[in-house]
Amino acid sequence: MTLIITGSEGNIGRRLRLAFPGCIGIDRAAGAEIRVDLSTVDYGEPMIASALRDADALIHLATSADPDAPEAVHWRAVSDATRLFAACAAQGVGRIVVASSDWAAPKHGAAINSYGRSKLALGSLAAMYAAGPRSARVIRVGWVPHDPAALVAAPDWLRQNYWDDDRLTAEFRRALSAEE
């Protein structure tokens, strides 16, 4: 399977790259095979179009992981995903997997914020993608700290939502292989 991971150089992206050797990383940061900004990328550019055309699946992680980021950041994430998913559809990517968050339906007493609403919007875009001859899955990823040592000082509600690398990898493998 030819797999692309957007946001490949972020906290979760780096972990998934280890779990899916040979995947193609797309990110603004150094280390990605394709270095572009999803806000400005030209999906008609031959290198990008070819990568999407050759891909069997795409994992989309390229959004802000900060629930407190300004609303404009989350609007941009939805806009970027809209363009990306349209390009994936045009190039025939058969499956996308979209990372969401429990902030889309907070369990810990917090009100839903623009971050959570952006994750709900990404879920709706994934559903739209799957309405064609393609499939899409949304995974509400739990807490994946940069450093697992942070688990010790975390509040109970956050510790209960901790995902280690094994769970993270298993959930994405399941989403990539799930039948309709």
Protein backbone atom coordinates (compact mmCIF):
# COMPACT_ATOMS: atom_id res chain seq x y z
CA MET A 1 0.00 0.00 0.00
CA THR A 2 1.27 3.45 -0.91
CA LEU A 3 0.49 5.74 2.02
CA ILE A 4 0.82 9.51 2.41
CA ILE A 5 0.84 11.17 5.83
CA THR A 6 0.20 14.92 6.01
CA GLY A 7 1.65 16.56 9.10
CA SER A 8 4.29 13.85 8.98
CA GLU A 9 6.80 15.76 11.09
CA GLY A 10 4.45 16.52 13.99
CA ASN A 11 4.14 14.60 17.24
CA ILE A 12 1.75 11.96 15.91
CA GLY A 13 3.06 12.03 12.36
CA ARG A 14 6.59 11.06 13.41
CA ARG A 15 5.22 8.13 15.40
CA LEU A 16 3.10 6.90 12.51
CA ARG A 17 6.01 7.23 10.07
CA LEU A 18 7.88 4.72 12.21
CA ALA A 19 4.89 2.39 12.13
CA PHE A 20 4.42 2.69 8.35
CA PRO A 21 7.87 2.44 6.79
CA GLY A 22 8.00 3.66 3.22
CA CYS A 23 5.15 6.12 3.64
CA ILE A 24 5.44 9.53 2.01
CA GLY A 25 5.49 12.46 4.40
CA ILE A 26 4.01 15.82 3.51
CA ASP A 27 4.79 18.69 5.87
CA ARG A 28 6.16 22.22 6.02
CA ALA A 29 8.97 21.00 8.24
CA ALA A 30 12.27 19.45 7.28
CA GLY A 31 12.26 15.67 7.11
CA ALA A 32 9.19 15.30 4.92
CA GLU A 33 9.61 13.87 1.44
CA ILE A 34 7.36 16.63 0.14
CA ARG A 35 7.82 20.01 1.83
CA VAL A 36 4.82 22.23 1.18
CA ASP A 37 2.37 24.37 3.10
CA LEU A 38 -1.15 22.99 2.66
CA SER A 39 -2.47 26.56 2.68
CA THR A 40 -0.62 27.49 -0.49
CA VAL A 41 0.26 24.24 -2.27
CA ASP A 42 -0.64 23.92 -5.94
CA TYR A 43 -2.21 20.46 -6.18
CA GLY A 44 -1.77 20.59 -9.95
CA GLU A 45 2.03 20.75 -9.56
CA PRO A 46 3.35 17.52 -11.10
CA MET A 47 5.17 16.19 -8.00
CA ILE A 48 2.11 16.64 -5.76
CA ALA A 49 -0.39 15.39 -8.35
CA SER A 50 1.75 12.32 -9.02
CA ALA A 51 2.15 11.50 -5.33
CA LEU A 52 -1.62 11.67 -4.80
CA ARG A 53 -2.35 9.71 -7.98
CA ASP A 54 -0.02 6.91 -6.83
CA ALA A 55 -1.38 6.81 -3.26
CA ASP A 56 -3.76 4.14 -2.05
CA ALA A 57 -4.46 5.99 1.19
CA LEU A 58 -3.77 9.24 3.01
CA ILE A 59 -3.67 9.98 6.75
CA HIS A 60 -4.45 13.63 7.43
CA LEU A 61 -2.81 15.02 10.57
CA ALA A 62 -1.80 18.50 9.34
CA THR A 63 -3.78 20.69 11.72
CA SER A 64 -2.93 22.58 14.88
CA ALA A 65 -2.83 20.36 17.95
CA ASP A 66 -3.48 23.36 20.20
CA PRO A 67 -7.09 23.55 21.41
CA ASP A 68 -6.42 27.11 22.56
CA ALA A 69 -5.05 28.39 19.24
CA PRO A 70 -6.86 31.39 17.76
CA GLU A 71 -10.05 30.65 15.86
CA ALA A 72 -8.38 31.68 12.58
CA VAL A 73 -5.95 28.77 12.92
CA HIS A 74 -8.82 26.29 13.04
CA TRP A 75 -10.65 27.94 10.14
CA ARG A 76 -7.43 27.54 8.13
CA ALA A 77 -7.24 23.84 9.03
CA VAL A 78 -10.74 23.26 7.65
CA SER A 79 -9.98 25.26 4.50
CA ASP A 80 -6.71 23.37 3.95
CA ALA A 81 -8.43 20.01 4.43
CA THR A 82 -11.17 20.97 1.97
CA ARG A 83 -8.58 21.66 -0.74
CA LEU A 84 -6.59 18.52 0.15
CA PHE A 85 -9.59 16.19 0.10
CA ALA A 86 -10.78 17.64 -3.24
CA ALA A 87 -7.30 17.01 -4.68
CA CYS A 88 -7.34 13.46 -3.27
CA ALA A 89 -10.72 12.84 -4.91
CA ALA A 90 -9.51 14.26 -8.24
CA GLN A 91 -6.42 12.03 -8.18
CA GLY A 92 -8.27 8.89 -7.08
CA VAL A 93 -6.94 8.35 -3.55
CA GLY A 94 -9.11 5.45 -2.40
CA ARG A 95 -9.10 6.03 1.35
CA ILE A 96 -8.43 8.87 3.73
CA VAL A 97 -8.10 8.66 7.49
CA VAL A 98 -8.65 11.89 9.39
CA ALA A 99 -7.40 12.55 12.90
CA SER A 100 -10.02 14.11 15.10
CA SER A 101 -10.04 14.71 18.83
CA ASP A 102 -12.16 14.18 21.90
CA TRP A 103 -12.46 17.98 21.90
CA ALA A 104 -15.11 17.42 19.20
CA ALA A 105 -17.29 16.02 22.02
CA PRO A 106 -15.58 17.01 25.29
CA LYS A 107 -15.99 14.53 28.14
CA HIS A 108 -14.11 16.43 30.80
CA GLY A 109 -16.58 19.22 31.45
CA ALA A 110 -15.12 21.70 28.97
CA ALA A 111 -17.32 23.46 26.45
CA ILE A 112 -16.70 22.75 22.80
CA ASN A 113 -14.43 25.39 21.32
CA SER A 114 -13.28 26.35 17.81
CA TYR A 115 -10.72 23.52 17.87
CA GLY A 116 -13.46 20.98 18.59
CA ARG A 117 -15.73 22.52 15.99
CA SER A 118 -12.95 22.31 13.41
CA LYS A 119 -12.60 18.60 14.18
CA LEU A 120 -16.35 18.15 13.66
CA ALA A 121 -16.03 19.98 10.33
CA LEU A 122 -13.17 17.67 9.30
CA GLY A 123 -15.42 14.73 10.13
CA SER A 124 -18.12 16.15 7.87
CA LEU A 125 -15.59 16.60 5.07
CA ALA A 126 -14.53 12.97 5.52
CA ALA A 127 -18.18 11.88 5.25
CA MET A 128 -18.52 13.89 2.06
CA TYR A 129 -15.38 12.22 0.70
CA ALA A 130 -16.80 8.78 1.45
CA ALA A 131 -20.03 9.59 -0.40
CA GLY A 132 -18.23 8.89 -3.68
CA PRO A 133 -16.44 5.75 -4.80
CA ARG A 134 -13.96 6.23 -1.95
CA SER A 135 -13.83 5.63 1.78
CA ALA A 136 -12.93 7.74 4.77
CA ARG A 137 -12.48 7.10 8.46
CA VAL A 138 -12.26 9.53 11.36
CA ILE A 139 -10.30 8.63 14.47
CA ARG A 140 -10.85 10.60 17.67
CA VAL A 141 -7.30 10.39 18.89
CA GLY A 142 -6.70 10.52 22.63
CA TRP A 143 -3.87 12.31 24.39
CA VAL A 144 -0.47 11.60 22.87
CA PRO A 145 2.04 13.68 24.83
CA HIS A 146 5.39 14.58 23.29
CA ASP A 147 7.04 12.99 26.31
CA PRO A 148 5.31 10.04 28.04
CA ALA A 149 6.85 11.24 31.32
CA ALA A 150 4.15 13.96 31.28
CA LEU A 151 1.68 11.23 32.19
CA VAL A 152 2.79 11.34 35.83
CA ALA A 153 1.78 14.98 36.38
CA ALA A 154 -1.33 14.97 34.18
CA PRO A 155 -4.81 15.36 35.67
CA ASP A 156 -6.88 12.17 35.97
CA TRP A 157 -9.19 12.99 33.05
CA LEU A 158 -6.21 13.41 30.75
CA ARG A 159 -4.42 10.28 31.97
CA GLN A 160 -7.58 8.29 31.29
CA ASN A 161 -7.44 9.42 27.67
CA TYR A 162 -3.74 8.60 27.16
CA TRP A 163 -2.80 6.75 23.98
CA ASP A 164 0.56 5.04 23.86
CA ASP A 165 2.30 4.35 20.55
CA ASP A 166 0.91 0.81 20.35
CA ARG A 167 -2.69 1.99 20.60
CA LEU A 168 -2.07 4.89 18.23
CA THR A 169 -0.58 2.59 15.60
CA ALA A 170 -3.28 -0.06 16.06
CA GLU A 171 -6.10 2.46 15.61
CA PHE A 172 -4.63 3.85 12.40
CA ARG A 173 -3.88 0.37 11.03
CA ARG A 174 -7.49 -0.63 11.75
CA ALA A 175 -8.82 2.50 10.01
CA LEU A 176 -6.66 1.90 6.95
CA SER A 177 -7.72 -1.71 6.61
CA ALA A 178 -11.41 -1.45 7.61
CA GLU A 179 -13.96 -2.58 5.11
CA GLU A 180 -16.99 -0.44 4.41
